[in-house]
Amino acid sequence: MTVIEPSGRTGPGWWRSAVVYQVYPRSFADGNGDGVGDLRGIRERLDHLEWLGVDVLWISPVYPSPMADNGYDVSDYLDVDPAYGTLAELDALIAELHERGMKLVMDLVANHTSDEHPWFVDSSSSPESAKRDWYWWRDEPNNWGSFFSGPAWTYSEGRAAYYLHLFTRKQPDLNWENPEVRHAVYDIMRWWLDRGIDGFRMDVVNLISKDPDLPEAPVMPGQRYGNMRASVLDGPRVHEFLAEMHREVFDRYEDRDLLLVGETGETTVEEGRKYTDPARRELDMVLHYEHVEIDHGTFKWDVRPFDLGRLRERLAAWQTGLADVGWNSLYWDNHDQPRVVSRYGDDDRWRTESAKLLATVLHLQRGTPFVYQGDEIGMTNYPFASIDEFDDVEAVNYYHEAIALGVEPEDVMRSLRAMSRDNGRTPMQWDDSPNAGFTTGTPWLAVNPNHTEINVAAQRDDPDSVLSHYRRLIQLRHEDPAVVDGDFTLLTDSHPQVFAFRRRHESGQLAVLANFSGAEADLGELAEECRGDLVIGSGHGPVMAPWESRVYRR
């Protein structure tokens, strides 16, 4: 198979055949040796992205921020935080990506700001402030709890009232009911598009519309605060707001090939159809959570064993649910998730095999794949030994709240090791040097000790590596219409070990088989269903090896 280079895809729906690569700037590459990744470091590693074959670079926030939530608390939307570089360096990144035939998508956090943003400083200064209604204020709080533990309300002395924050107290929620707020956000979006970026990934965009009554919420067993999800997820005016945003922003750039992706945590297939229906002109695709919550019990930290049946059912539901309208995003990892090889694979005996299998299953579904930094080499969770090693505010808050509720410390640590966002934020592993080639200084978050074995340099020239496998999958999407436009059919909904599906197109069809277990799997009648030329994989016959994946073309 001849490897092709990025094609600079353009035209309506160009992103259907594209692959997006997410960079968490703080952890990707440090260009100045201060231990924190930056824009210079990203530019120095663009050869890697071009070699891999990706079409779009999505970077997590690089705006000025107090870093209460590592940049998802923005204090200035129109600049770059000095920790990451300058606007001039961002301009240079845009230009160099475009020269290489790639696009840049920026993260936009529009549900909330930092409490140090001038808008909130003004709003919290006085009840008579011109921006008094730019955030959610109440004389008395309701019983809502924050997604990051604790109450969702904090008292402001200057305002003599409580403000709503669905995340940390440093992240007050904007009041999208106020048209001035919405148009201020649209101004920001146009400013960046005029600067040359190619679109946005909208953070928690399905939270921007709240039930204006802010009603009391039910308290779940073992919890202190009300579960406000019913009042904030996919709120009453969210589709109206997104349609307005499209009219006010994206319709003005119809001559540009832009991309608008929305993070819509815990949304349903039915809502996903609305968000991504081209006729509604809201979003191009959504990043939903259903397939990355199958190992959650009553809440995130209630960790349950992997269940192939649940995974298969949820992935298939989104494939069939958006088959006739809308478009899927395909991802395992991002900056908010632990590493999938440790989570749904086997990061010990079968790390390479399970990493390849997970990549195969993801990339060959219908939708646009998102590769998170380190996915392509099979990075794993970090072996955290104590709470002091965590940086993630969500994890730290949960630890202290759980201990206060009487949960045993080791039980809490077991949950954090499995689910903390810090697992996906350890520095990118470029080589086997002391800091994995990430920095010449002291890294802001510890490098995983297994970087001496798992790194880009060790895999770059190995045709059997996880990295080479990702490259082949990306190439296959670029070359084979069945991968992009073929329909999706499950070949079995009951096999206890095997996830199998077919992609059918007028140009041909692909059959994908994946043994999600550390034991051999008997294919039975599936062996007859999946004949053809073996495009990816090396096994043949009616029995699959542990964690083996195969792709047949005919």
Protein backbone atom coordinates (compact mmCIF):
# COMPACT_ATOMS: atom_id res chain seq x y z
CA MET A 1 0.00 0.00 0.00
CA THR A 2 1.48 3.34 -1.06
CA VAL A 3 1.32 6.00 1.64
CA ILE A 4 -0.24 9.27 0.51
CA GLU A 5 0.35 12.70 1.96
CA PRO A 6 -2.35 15.08 3.31
CA SER A 7 -4.50 16.20 0.44
CA GLY A 8 -5.74 19.55 1.68
CA ARG A 9 -9.34 18.34 1.40
CA THR A 10 -11.82 21.02 0.42
CA GLY A 11 -15.42 21.39 -0.60
CA PRO A 12 -18.76 20.64 1.09
CA GLY A 13 -18.44 17.90 3.67
CA TRP A 14 -14.66 17.72 3.25
CA TRP A 15 -14.34 16.62 6.86
CA ARG A 16 -16.08 13.29 6.13
CA SER A 17 -12.84 11.89 4.71
CA ALA A 18 -10.58 13.83 7.08
CA VAL A 19 -8.82 12.79 10.29
CA VAL A 20 -8.50 15.22 13.22
CA TYR A 21 -5.54 15.19 15.61
CA GLN A 22 -6.01 16.77 19.03
CA VAL A 23 -3.12 18.44 20.80
CA TYR A 24 -3.23 19.30 24.48
CA PRO A 25 -0.65 22.11 24.23
CA ARG A 26 0.55 21.89 27.81
CA SER A 27 1.67 18.29 27.28
CA PHE A 28 2.57 17.92 23.61
CA ALA A 29 5.99 19.48 23.10
CA ASP A 30 7.99 22.11 25.00
CA GLY A 31 9.92 24.41 22.70
CA ASN A 32 11.61 26.64 25.29
CA GLY A 33 12.60 24.20 28.03
CA ASP A 34 10.38 25.54 30.83
CA GLY A 35 8.58 22.22 31.30
CA VAL A 36 5.30 23.37 29.74
CA GLY A 37 4.32 22.58 26.16
CA ASP A 38 3.87 25.53 23.85
CA LEU A 39 3.15 26.74 20.30
CA ARG A 40 6.80 26.59 19.36
CA GLY A 41 6.88 22.95 20.41
CA ILE A 42 3.81 22.18 18.28
CA ARG A 43 5.43 23.77 15.23
CA GLU A 44 8.59 21.75 15.79
CA ARG A 45 6.55 18.52 15.68
CA LEU A 46 4.44 19.21 12.58
CA ASP A 47 6.55 16.77 10.58
CA HIS A 48 5.12 14.01 12.77
CA LEU A 49 1.53 15.04 12.00
CA GLU A 50 2.22 15.36 8.30
CA TRP A 51 3.91 11.94 8.20
CA LEU A 52 0.98 10.42 10.07
CA GLY A 53 -1.36 11.85 7.44
CA VAL A 54 -3.83 13.85 9.53
CA ASP A 55 -5.82 16.66 7.95
CA VAL A 56 -6.86 18.83 10.89
CA LEU A 57 -5.10 19.95 14.07
CA TRP A 58 -7.37 20.77 17.01
CA ILE A 59 -5.60 22.51 19.87
CA SER A 60 -7.04 22.79 23.36
CA PRO A 61 -7.23 26.37 24.72
CA VAL A 62 -4.14 28.54 24.53
CA TYR A 63 -5.88 31.75 25.63
CA PRO A 64 -4.73 33.70 28.71
CA SER A 65 -5.99 31.90 31.80
CA PRO A 66 -5.38 31.60 35.56
CA MET A 67 -5.22 27.81 34.84
CA ALA A 68 -7.78 26.75 37.44
CA ASP A 69 -8.84 24.13 34.88
CA ASN A 70 -5.76 24.17 32.65
CA GLY A 71 -7.00 26.80 30.22
CA TYR A 72 -10.69 25.95 30.15
CA ASP A 73 -11.11 29.02 32.36
CA VAL A 74 -10.48 31.84 29.88
CA SER A 75 -9.64 35.37 31.02
CA ASP A 76 -9.07 36.83 27.51
CA TYR A 77 -10.47 35.27 24.33
CA LEU A 78 -8.42 37.44 21.97
CA ASP A 79 -4.84 36.65 22.95
CA VAL A 80 -2.41 33.82 23.73
CA ASP A 81 -1.24 32.97 27.23
CA PRO A 82 2.49 33.76 27.60
CA ALA A 83 3.03 30.18 28.82
CA TYR A 84 2.20 29.05 25.28
CA GLY A 85 3.73 31.87 23.26
CA THR A 86 2.37 34.84 21.36
CA LEU A 87 -0.25 35.72 18.78
CA ALA A 88 2.54 36.00 16.23
CA GLU A 89 3.55 32.39 16.97
CA LEU A 90 -0.05 31.28 16.58
CA ASP A 91 -0.23 33.10 13.25
CA ALA A 92 2.94 31.28 12.19
CA LEU A 93 1.37 27.94 13.19
CA ILE A 94 -1.72 28.69 11.10
CA ALA A 95 0.40 29.61 8.10
CA GLU A 96 2.63 26.55 8.35
CA LEU A 97 -0.31 24.19 8.72
CA HIS A 98 -1.93 25.67 5.64
CA GLU A 99 1.31 25.30 3.71
CA ARG A 100 1.28 21.59 4.61
CA GLY A 101 -2.34 21.15 3.51
CA MET A 102 -3.70 20.95 7.06
CA LYS A 103 -6.29 23.02 8.90
CA LEU A 104 -6.41 24.46 12.43
CA VAL A 105 -9.43 24.15 14.71
CA MET A 106 -9.34 26.00 18.02
CA ASP A 107 -11.12 25.11 21.24
CA LEU A 108 -13.72 27.70 22.23
CA VAL A 109 -15.06 27.71 25.80
CA ALA A 110 -18.30 29.67 25.58
CA ASN A 111 -20.41 28.17 28.38
CA HIS A 112 -18.30 29.87 31.03
CA THR A 113 -15.36 32.23 31.49
CA SER A 114 -12.74 32.65 34.16
CA ASP A 115 -13.81 34.65 37.18
CA GLU A 116 -10.85 36.86 36.25
CA HIS A 117 -12.32 37.73 32.85
CA PRO A 118 -13.20 41.45 32.66
CA TRP A 119 -16.83 40.54 31.94
CA PHE A 120 -17.18 38.75 35.26
CA VAL A 121 -15.13 41.29 37.19
CA ASP A 122 -17.61 43.92 35.97
CA SER A 123 -20.69 41.76 36.53
CA SER A 124 -19.67 40.88 40.09
CA SER A 125 -18.79 44.43 41.07
CA SER A 126 -22.31 45.73 41.67
CA PRO A 127 -26.02 44.93 41.11
CA GLU A 128 -26.07 48.06 38.92
CA SER A 129 -23.28 46.84 36.61
CA ALA A 130 -23.97 47.11 32.88
CA LYS A 131 -23.06 43.40 32.74
CA ARG A 132 -25.16 42.41 35.75
CA ASP A 133 -27.10 39.85 33.68
CA TRP A 134 -24.14 38.40 31.74
CA TYR A 135 -23.91 35.57 34.31
CA TRP A 136 -26.41 33.64 36.44
CA TRP A 137 -26.97 35.41 39.76
CA ARG A 138 -29.35 34.51 42.60
CA ASP A 139 -29.94 35.88 46.08
CA GLU A 140 -30.27 32.31 47.32
CA PRO A 141 -28.68 29.28 45.64
CA ASN A 142 -30.57 26.17 44.67
CA ASN A 143 -29.28 22.70 45.57
CA TRP A 144 -27.28 22.03 42.40
CA GLY A 145 -23.90 20.36 42.62
CA SER A 146 -20.91 21.11 40.43
CA PHE A 147 -19.62 18.56 37.90
CA PHE A 148 -16.32 18.98 39.77
CA SER A 149 -17.75 18.21 43.25
CA GLY A 150 -19.13 20.62 45.82
CA PRO A 151 -21.92 23.16 45.32
CA ALA A 152 -22.55 24.83 41.94
CA TRP A 153 -22.90 28.25 43.59
CA THR A 154 -20.40 30.62 45.19
CA TYR A 155 -21.13 33.84 47.06
CA SER A 156 -19.71 37.12 45.71
CA GLU A 157 -19.10 39.84 48.31
CA GLY A 158 -19.07 42.60 45.68
CA ARG A 159 -22.37 41.56 44.22
CA ALA A 160 -23.87 40.32 47.51
CA ALA A 161 -25.30 37.37 45.60
CA TYR A 162 -24.46 33.83 44.46
CA TYR A 163 -23.21 33.01 40.97
CA LEU A 164 -23.65 29.72 39.12
CA HIS A 165 -20.65 27.61 38.08
CA LEU A 166 -21.28 24.12 36.74
CA PHE A 167 -17.54 23.45 37.04
CA THR A 168 -15.05 25.12 39.42
CA ARG A 169 -15.87 28.31 41.29
CA LYS A 170 -13.28 29.93 39.02
CA GLN A 171 -15.52 29.20 35.99
CA PRO A 172 -18.78 31.20 36.26
CA ASP A 173 -21.42 30.28 33.68
CA LEU A 174 -22.38 32.84 31.06
CA ASN A 175 -26.07 33.68 30.73
CA TRP A 176 -26.88 32.91 27.10
CA GLU A 177 -30.43 34.16 27.64
CA ASN A 178 -28.87 37.62 27.35
CA PRO A 179 -28.44 38.49 23.63
CA GLU A 180 -25.49 40.73 24.47
CA VAL A 181 -23.61 37.66 25.71
CA ARG A 182 -24.37 35.67 22.60
CA HIS A 183 -23.26 38.40 20.24
CA ALA A 184 -20.08 38.99 22.23
CA VAL A 185 -19.26 35.31 21.65
CA TYR A 186 -20.05 35.63 17.94
CA ASP A 187 -17.69 38.61 17.72
CA ILE A 188 -14.93 36.47 19.21
CA MET A 189 -15.56 33.70 16.71
CA ARG A 190 -15.45 36.07 13.73
CA TRP A 191 -12.25 37.63 15.06
CA TRP A 192 -10.48 34.26 15.05
CA LEU A 193 -11.89 33.17 11.69
CA ASP A 194 -10.70 36.45 10.19
CA ARG A 195 -7.28 35.61 11.60
CA GLY A 196 -7.22 32.46 9.48
CA ILE A 197 -8.28 29.53 11.66
CA ASP A 198 -10.55 26.91 10.10
CA GLY A 199 -13.17 26.33 12.74
CA PHE A 200 -13.95 25.56 16.37
CA ARG A 201 -14.45 22.72 18.77
CA MET A 202 -17.07 24.14 21.15
CA ASP A 203 -16.53 23.06 24.74
CA VAL A 204 -19.63 21.68 26.59
CA VAL A 205 -21.82 23.46 24.07
CA ASN A 206 -24.98 21.58 25.06
CA LEU A 207 -24.86 23.30 28.47
CA ILE A 208 -25.22 26.87 27.18
CA SER A 209 -29.03 26.88 27.59
CA LYS A 210 -30.37 26.35 31.11
CA ASP A 211 -33.90 26.05 32.39
CA PRO A 212 -34.38 29.74 33.38
CA ASP A 213 -36.19 28.72 36.57
CA LEU A 214 -33.08 26.87 37.81
CA PRO A 215 -35.27 24.37 39.69
CA GLU A 216 -34.19 22.23 42.60
CA ALA A 217 -32.73 18.90 41.52
CA PRO A 218 -33.00 15.35 42.89
CA VAL A 219 -30.22 14.23 45.22
CA MET A 220 -28.73 10.89 44.25
CA PRO A 221 -27.98 8.27 46.95
CA GLY A 222 -24.64 8.97 48.61
CA GLN A 223 -24.46 12.52 47.20
CA ARG A 224 -24.72 15.88 48.96
CA TYR A 225 -26.02 18.01 46.11
CA GLY A 226 -28.77 17.87 43.52
CA ASN A 227 -28.14 16.31 40.10
CA MET A 228 -28.85 19.26 37.82
CA ARG A 229 -28.35 17.41 34.52
CA ALA A 230 -32.03 17.48 33.56
CA SER A 231 -32.00 21.28 33.81
CA VAL A 232 -28.78 21.98 31.93
CA LEU A 233 -28.18 19.22 29.34
CA ASP A 234 -29.57 20.01 25.88
CA GLY A 235 -31.47 22.92 27.39
CA PRO A 236 -34.70 24.48 26.11
CA ARG A 237 -33.09 27.01 23.73
CA VAL A 238 -29.82 25.29 22.81
CA HIS A 239 -30.85 24.53 19.22
CA GLU A 240 -32.16 28.05 18.79
CA PHE A 241 -28.87 29.48 20.03
CA LEU A 242 -26.75 27.27 17.78
CA ALA A 243 -28.84 28.11 14.71
CA GLU A 244 -28.42 31.79 15.52
CA MET A 245 -24.67 31.30 15.94
CA HIS A 246 -24.47 29.63 12.54
CA ARG A 247 -26.34 32.51 10.90
CA GLU A 248 -24.31 35.19 12.64
CA VAL A 249 -20.91 33.56 12.15
CA PHE A 250 -20.57 30.66 9.73
CA ASP A 251 -23.02 31.84 7.09
CA ARG A 252 -20.74 34.84 6.60
CA TYR A 253 -17.87 32.56 5.56
CA GLU A 254 -19.57 30.32 3.01
CA ASP A 255 -16.53 30.61 0.74
CA ARG A 256 -14.39 28.95 3.45
CA ASP A 257 -14.12 25.23 4.29
CA LEU A 258 -14.81 25.55 8.02
CA LEU A 259 -15.55 22.97 10.69
CA LEU A 260 -17.79 23.30 13.75
CA VAL A 261 -17.65 20.48 16.30
CA GLY A 262 -19.62 20.54 19.52
CA GLU A 263 -18.84 18.69 22.73
CA THR A 264 -22.26 17.47 23.84
CA GLY A 265 -21.62 15.30 26.85
CA GLU A 266 -24.41 12.89 27.81
CA THR A 267 -26.59 13.89 24.87
CA THR A 268 -28.78 11.28 23.19
CA VAL A 269 -28.86 9.97 19.63
CA GLU A 270 -32.12 11.84 19.10
CA GLU A 271 -30.55 15.13 20.13
CA GLY A 272 -27.43 14.28 18.12
CA ARG A 273 -29.56 14.04 14.98
CA LYS A 274 -30.85 17.56 15.62
CA TYR A 275 -27.41 19.02 16.30
CA THR A 276 -25.87 17.56 13.13
CA ASP A 277 -28.75 17.68 10.64
CA PRO A 278 -27.33 19.80 7.77
CA ALA A 279 -30.76 21.31 7.13
CA ARG A 280 -30.83 22.77 10.67
CA ARG A 281 -27.42 24.44 10.23
CA GLU A 282 -26.18 24.01 13.80
CA LEU A 283 -23.09 21.77 14.11
CA ASP A 284 -21.14 19.57 11.68
CA MET A 285 -20.69 16.83 14.26
CA VAL A 286 -20.89 16.22 18.01
CA LEU A 287 -18.55 14.66 20.54
CA HIS A 288 -20.97 12.62 22.64
CA TYR A 289 -20.11 10.52 25.71
CA GLU A 290 -22.20 7.36 25.59
CA HIS A 291 -19.45 5.00 24.44
CA VAL A 292 -16.96 6.39 27.00
CA GLU A 293 -19.35 5.94 29.93
CA ILE A 294 -20.04 2.22 29.65
CA ASP A 295 -17.68 1.55 32.56
CA HIS A 296 -19.39 4.13 34.79
CA GLY A 297 -21.84 3.02 37.44
CA THR A 298 -24.11 5.59 39.10
CA PHE A 299 -21.46 8.27 38.50
CA LYS A 300 -18.04 8.68 36.91
CA TRP A 301 -15.94 7.43 39.82
CA ASP A 302 -18.09 4.33 40.32
CA VAL A 303 -15.89 2.21 38.05
CA ARG A 304 -17.38 -0.92 36.50
CA PRO A 305 -15.77 -3.68 34.40
CA PHE A 306 -15.58 -3.35 30.63
CA ASP A 307 -18.68 -4.69 28.90
CA LEU A 308 -18.35 -5.46 25.16
CA GLY A 309 -22.10 -5.83 24.79
CA ARG A 310 -22.72 -2.32 26.10
CA LEU A 311 -19.96 -0.85 23.94
CA ARG A 312 -21.24 -2.58 20.81
CA GLU A 313 -24.81 -1.48 21.49
CA ARG A 314 -23.94 2.18 22.02
CA LEU A 315 -21.57 2.47 19.06
CA ALA A 316 -24.11 0.77 16.78
CA ALA A 317 -26.90 3.02 18.07
CA TRP A 318 -25.00 6.12 16.98
CA GLN A 319 -23.99 4.55 13.67
CA THR A 320 -27.56 3.65 12.74
CA GLY A 321 -29.12 6.69 14.43
CA LEU A 322 -27.15 9.13 12.29
CA ALA A 323 -27.14 7.00 9.14
CA ASP A 324 -29.71 9.08 7.26
CA VAL A 325 -28.96 12.50 8.74
CA GLY A 326 -26.02 14.11 10.48
CA TRP A 327 -22.52 12.79 11.02
CA ASN A 328 -20.57 10.94 13.72
CA SER A 329 -17.37 11.86 15.46
CA LEU A 330 -15.20 8.88 16.34
CA TYR A 331 -12.92 9.04 19.37
CA TRP A 332 -11.66 7.02 22.32
CA ASP A 333 -9.41 9.50 24.11
CA ASN A 334 -9.10 13.22 24.68
CA HIS A 335 -7.90 15.53 27.45
CA ASP A 336 -10.93 14.56 29.58
CA GLN A 337 -10.57 10.80 29.31
CA PRO A 338 -8.18 8.13 30.64
CA ARG A 339 -6.18 6.14 28.08
CA VAL A 340 -8.34 3.66 26.19
CA VAL A 341 -5.65 0.95 26.05
CA SER A 342 -5.74 0.80 29.86
CA ARG A 343 -9.50 1.14 29.94
CA TYR A 344 -10.99 -1.05 27.18
CA GLY A 345 -7.82 -2.88 26.12
CA ASP A 346 -4.99 -4.69 27.89
CA ASP A 347 -2.09 -2.42 28.79
CA ASP A 348 0.01 -5.28 30.11
CA ARG A 349 0.37 -8.49 28.10
CA TRP A 350 -1.50 -7.41 24.96
CA ARG A 351 -0.83 -3.66 24.81
CA THR A 352 0.28 -3.49 21.16
CA GLU A 353 -2.41 -5.85 19.94
CA SER A 354 -5.24 -4.18 21.86
CA ALA A 355 -4.09 -0.70 20.82
CA LYS A 356 -4.22 -1.76 17.16
CA LEU A 357 -7.61 -3.39 17.63
CA LEU A 358 -9.12 -0.31 19.26
CA ALA A 359 -7.76 1.86 16.46
CA THR A 360 -9.18 -0.43 13.79
CA VAL A 361 -12.66 -0.53 15.33
CA LEU A 362 -12.75 3.23 15.72
CA HIS A 363 -11.33 4.39 12.39
CA LEU A 364 -13.39 2.08 10.21
CA GLN A 365 -16.79 3.18 11.45
CA ARG A 366 -18.81 5.86 9.69
CA GLY A 367 -17.69 9.25 10.93
CA THR A 368 -14.65 11.48 11.35
CA PRO A 369 -11.88 9.97 13.52
CA PHE A 370 -10.23 12.05 16.23
CA VAL A 371 -6.72 10.96 17.24
CA TYR A 372 -5.65 12.27 20.62
CA GLN A 373 -1.93 12.82 21.11
CA GLY A 374 -0.33 9.54 22.16
CA ASP A 375 -3.16 7.35 20.84
CA GLU A 376 -1.02 6.61 17.83
CA ILE A 377 1.67 4.95 19.95
CA GLY A 378 -0.60 3.25 22.47
CA MET A 379 0.10 5.45 25.50
CA THR A 380 -1.32 4.09 28.76
CA ASN A 381 -2.59 5.33 32.11
CA TYR A 382 -0.04 6.61 34.61
CA PRO A 383 0.75 4.56 37.77
CA PHE A 384 -0.36 7.18 40.31
CA ALA A 385 0.73 6.31 43.84
CA SER A 386 -0.75 9.19 45.89
CA ILE A 387 -3.17 12.10 45.62
CA ASP A 388 -0.19 14.48 45.62
CA GLU A 389 0.72 13.29 42.12
CA PHE A 390 -2.55 14.51 40.62
CA ASP A 391 -3.02 17.93 39.03
CA ASP A 392 -6.60 17.52 37.74
CA VAL A 393 -8.94 19.73 39.78
CA GLU A 394 -11.83 17.32 39.21
CA ALA A 395 -9.86 14.40 40.64
CA VAL A 396 -8.45 16.35 43.59
CA ASN A 397 -11.88 17.73 44.52
CA TYR A 398 -13.48 14.31 44.34
CA TYR A 399 -10.76 12.77 46.50
CA HIS A 400 -11.31 15.22 49.36
CA GLU A 401 -15.11 15.07 49.10
CA ALA A 402 -15.10 11.25 49.10
CA ILE A 403 -12.74 11.08 52.08
CA ALA A 404 -15.02 13.50 53.95
CA LEU A 405 -17.94 11.15 53.21
CA GLY A 406 -16.01 8.26 54.76
CA VAL A 407 -14.83 6.43 51.63
CA GLU A 408 -11.62 4.49 52.18
CA PRO A 409 -8.58 6.31 50.68
CA GLU A 410 -7.42 3.30 48.67
CA ASP A 411 -10.91 2.88 47.18
CA VAL A 412 -10.82 6.52 46.08
CA MET A 413 -7.32 6.12 44.65
CA ARG A 414 -8.40 3.05 42.71
CA SER A 415 -11.11 5.11 41.01
CA LEU A 416 -8.75 8.01 40.32
CA ARG A 417 -6.12 5.74 38.78
CA ALA A 418 -8.75 4.38 36.41
CA MET A 419 -10.65 7.55 35.50
CA SER A 420 -8.66 10.71 36.23
CA ARG A 421 -8.21 13.12 33.35
CA ASP A 422 -4.53 13.34 34.26
CA ASN A 423 -4.07 9.94 32.62
CA GLY A 424 -4.56 11.63 29.26
CA ARG A 425 -2.47 14.68 30.16
CA THR A 426 0.93 13.18 30.92
CA PRO A 427 3.55 14.45 28.45
CA MET A 428 3.73 13.06 24.93
CA GLN A 429 6.32 10.30 24.66
CA TRP A 430 8.63 11.15 21.76
CA ASP A 431 11.68 9.06 22.67
CA ASP A 432 13.35 7.15 25.52
CA SER A 433 15.32 10.08 26.95
CA PRO A 434 14.72 11.08 30.61
CA ASN A 435 11.74 13.35 29.83
CA ALA A 436 10.58 11.41 26.78
CA GLY A 437 11.77 14.16 24.44
CA PHE A 438 8.97 16.41 25.73
CA THR A 439 11.17 18.97 27.46
CA THR A 440 14.75 19.75 28.45
CA GLY A 441 13.42 21.15 31.73
CA THR A 442 11.25 19.73 34.49
CA PRO A 443 7.88 18.61 33.08
CA TRP A 444 4.80 20.22 34.63
CA LEU A 445 3.26 16.73 35.02
CA ALA A 446 5.31 13.57 35.45
CA VAL A 447 6.22 11.55 32.36
CA ASN A 448 4.95 7.97 32.36
CA PRO A 449 7.82 5.62 33.31
CA ASN A 450 6.97 3.34 30.40
CA HIS A 451 8.11 5.99 27.89
CA THR A 452 11.40 4.10 27.57
CA GLU A 453 9.41 1.39 25.78
CA ILE A 454 6.43 3.32 24.38
CA ASN A 455 7.55 6.27 22.27
CA VAL A 456 7.42 7.64 18.74
CA ALA A 457 11.10 7.06 17.94
CA ALA A 458 10.87 3.36 18.79
CA GLN A 459 7.85 2.88 16.53
CA ARG A 460 8.49 5.17 13.58
CA ASP A 461 10.41 2.65 11.44
CA ASP A 462 8.67 -0.49 12.69
CA PRO A 463 6.01 -1.63 10.19
CA ASP A 464 4.31 -3.70 12.90
CA SER A 465 4.08 -0.88 15.45
CA VAL A 466 0.94 0.83 16.71
CA LEU A 467 2.14 4.02 15.02
CA SER A 468 2.48 2.37 11.61
CA HIS A 469 -0.96 0.83 12.10
CA TYR A 470 -2.53 4.24 12.69
CA ARG A 471 -0.84 5.54 9.56
CA ARG A 472 -2.28 2.70 7.48
CA LEU A 473 -5.78 3.30 8.88
CA ILE A 474 -5.61 7.02 8.08
CA GLN A 475 -4.45 6.21 4.59
CA LEU A 476 -7.28 3.73 4.12
CA ARG A 477 -9.83 6.43 4.99
CA HIS A 478 -8.25 8.75 2.43
CA GLU A 479 -8.30 6.12 -0.29
CA ASP A 480 -11.35 3.88 0.18
CA PRO A 481 -14.87 5.32 -0.38
CA ALA A 482 -16.38 2.47 1.64
CA VAL A 483 -14.67 3.79 4.78
CA VAL A 484 -16.10 7.27 4.29
CA ASP A 485 -19.51 6.70 2.73
CA GLY A 486 -20.34 3.01 3.20
CA ASP A 487 -23.29 2.04 5.32
CA PHE A 488 -22.83 0.27 8.66
CA THR A 489 -24.22 -3.12 9.67
CA LEU A 490 -23.45 -5.17 12.75
CA LEU A 491 -22.54 -8.75 11.83
CA THR A 492 -23.31 -10.01 15.31
CA ASP A 493 -25.01 -8.46 18.31
CA SER A 494 -24.34 -11.33 20.69
CA HIS A 495 -20.83 -12.75 20.30
CA PRO A 496 -19.25 -12.55 23.77
CA GLN A 497 -15.78 -11.68 22.46
CA VAL A 498 -16.05 -10.32 18.93
CA PHE A 499 -17.16 -6.94 17.64
CA ALA A 500 -17.86 -7.40 13.91
CA PHE A 501 -19.39 -5.02 11.39
CA ARG A 502 -19.59 -4.40 7.66
CA ARG A 503 -19.19 -1.18 5.69
CA ARG A 504 -20.92 -1.50 2.31
CA HIS A 505 -20.56 0.90 -0.64
CA GLU A 506 -21.11 0.73 -4.39
CA SER A 507 -17.32 0.58 -4.76
CA GLY A 508 -17.05 -2.50 -2.54
CA GLN A 509 -17.28 -3.45 1.10
CA LEU A 510 -15.18 -3.92 4.20
CA ALA A 511 -15.69 -6.46 6.97
CA VAL A 512 -14.11 -5.62 10.35
CA LEU A 513 -13.51 -8.27 13.02
CA ALA A 514 -12.13 -7.54 16.48
CA ASN A 515 -11.57 -10.00 19.31
CA PHE A 516 -11.97 -7.94 22.50
CA SER A 517 -10.41 -10.51 24.80
CA GLY A 518 -7.19 -12.16 25.89
CA ALA A 519 -8.45 -15.57 24.77
CA GLU A 520 -8.93 -17.14 21.37
CA ALA A 521 -12.32 -16.49 19.78
CA ASP A 522 -14.23 -18.97 17.61
CA LEU A 523 -15.87 -17.05 14.78
CA GLY A 524 -18.36 -19.74 13.86
CA GLU A 525 -20.66 -18.51 11.07
CA LEU A 526 -18.88 -15.15 11.04
CA ALA A 527 -15.96 -16.80 9.25
CA GLU A 528 -18.19 -17.31 6.20
CA GLU A 529 -19.57 -13.77 6.41
CA CYS A 530 -16.11 -12.21 6.25
CA ARG A 531 -14.36 -13.47 3.19
CA GLY A 532 -12.21 -11.28 0.93
CA ASP A 533 -8.75 -9.80 0.65
CA LEU A 534 -7.12 -9.18 4.03
CA VAL A 535 -6.37 -5.43 4.03
CA ILE A 536 -5.30 -5.06 7.66
CA GLY A 537 -4.20 -7.90 9.93
CA SER A 538 -2.28 -11.11 9.48
CA GLY A 539 -4.57 -13.86 10.75
CA HIS A 540 -6.80 -16.19 8.76
CA GLY A 541 -9.25 -18.92 9.55
CA PRO A 542 -12.23 -19.41 11.88
CA VAL A 543 -10.35 -18.76 15.13
CA MET A 544 -9.03 -15.35 16.15
CA ALA A 545 -5.99 -14.89 18.36
CA PRO A 546 -6.24 -12.81 21.57
CA TRP A 547 -6.86 -9.12 20.77
CA GLU A 548 -6.59 -9.79 17.05
CA SER A 549 -8.24 -7.49 14.52
CA ARG A 550 -8.81 -8.11 10.82
CA VAL A 551 -10.16 -6.06 7.92
CA TYR A 552 -11.33 -7.80 4.74
CA ARG A 553 -12.01 -5.99 1.45
CA ARG A 554 -14.14 -7.27 -1.41
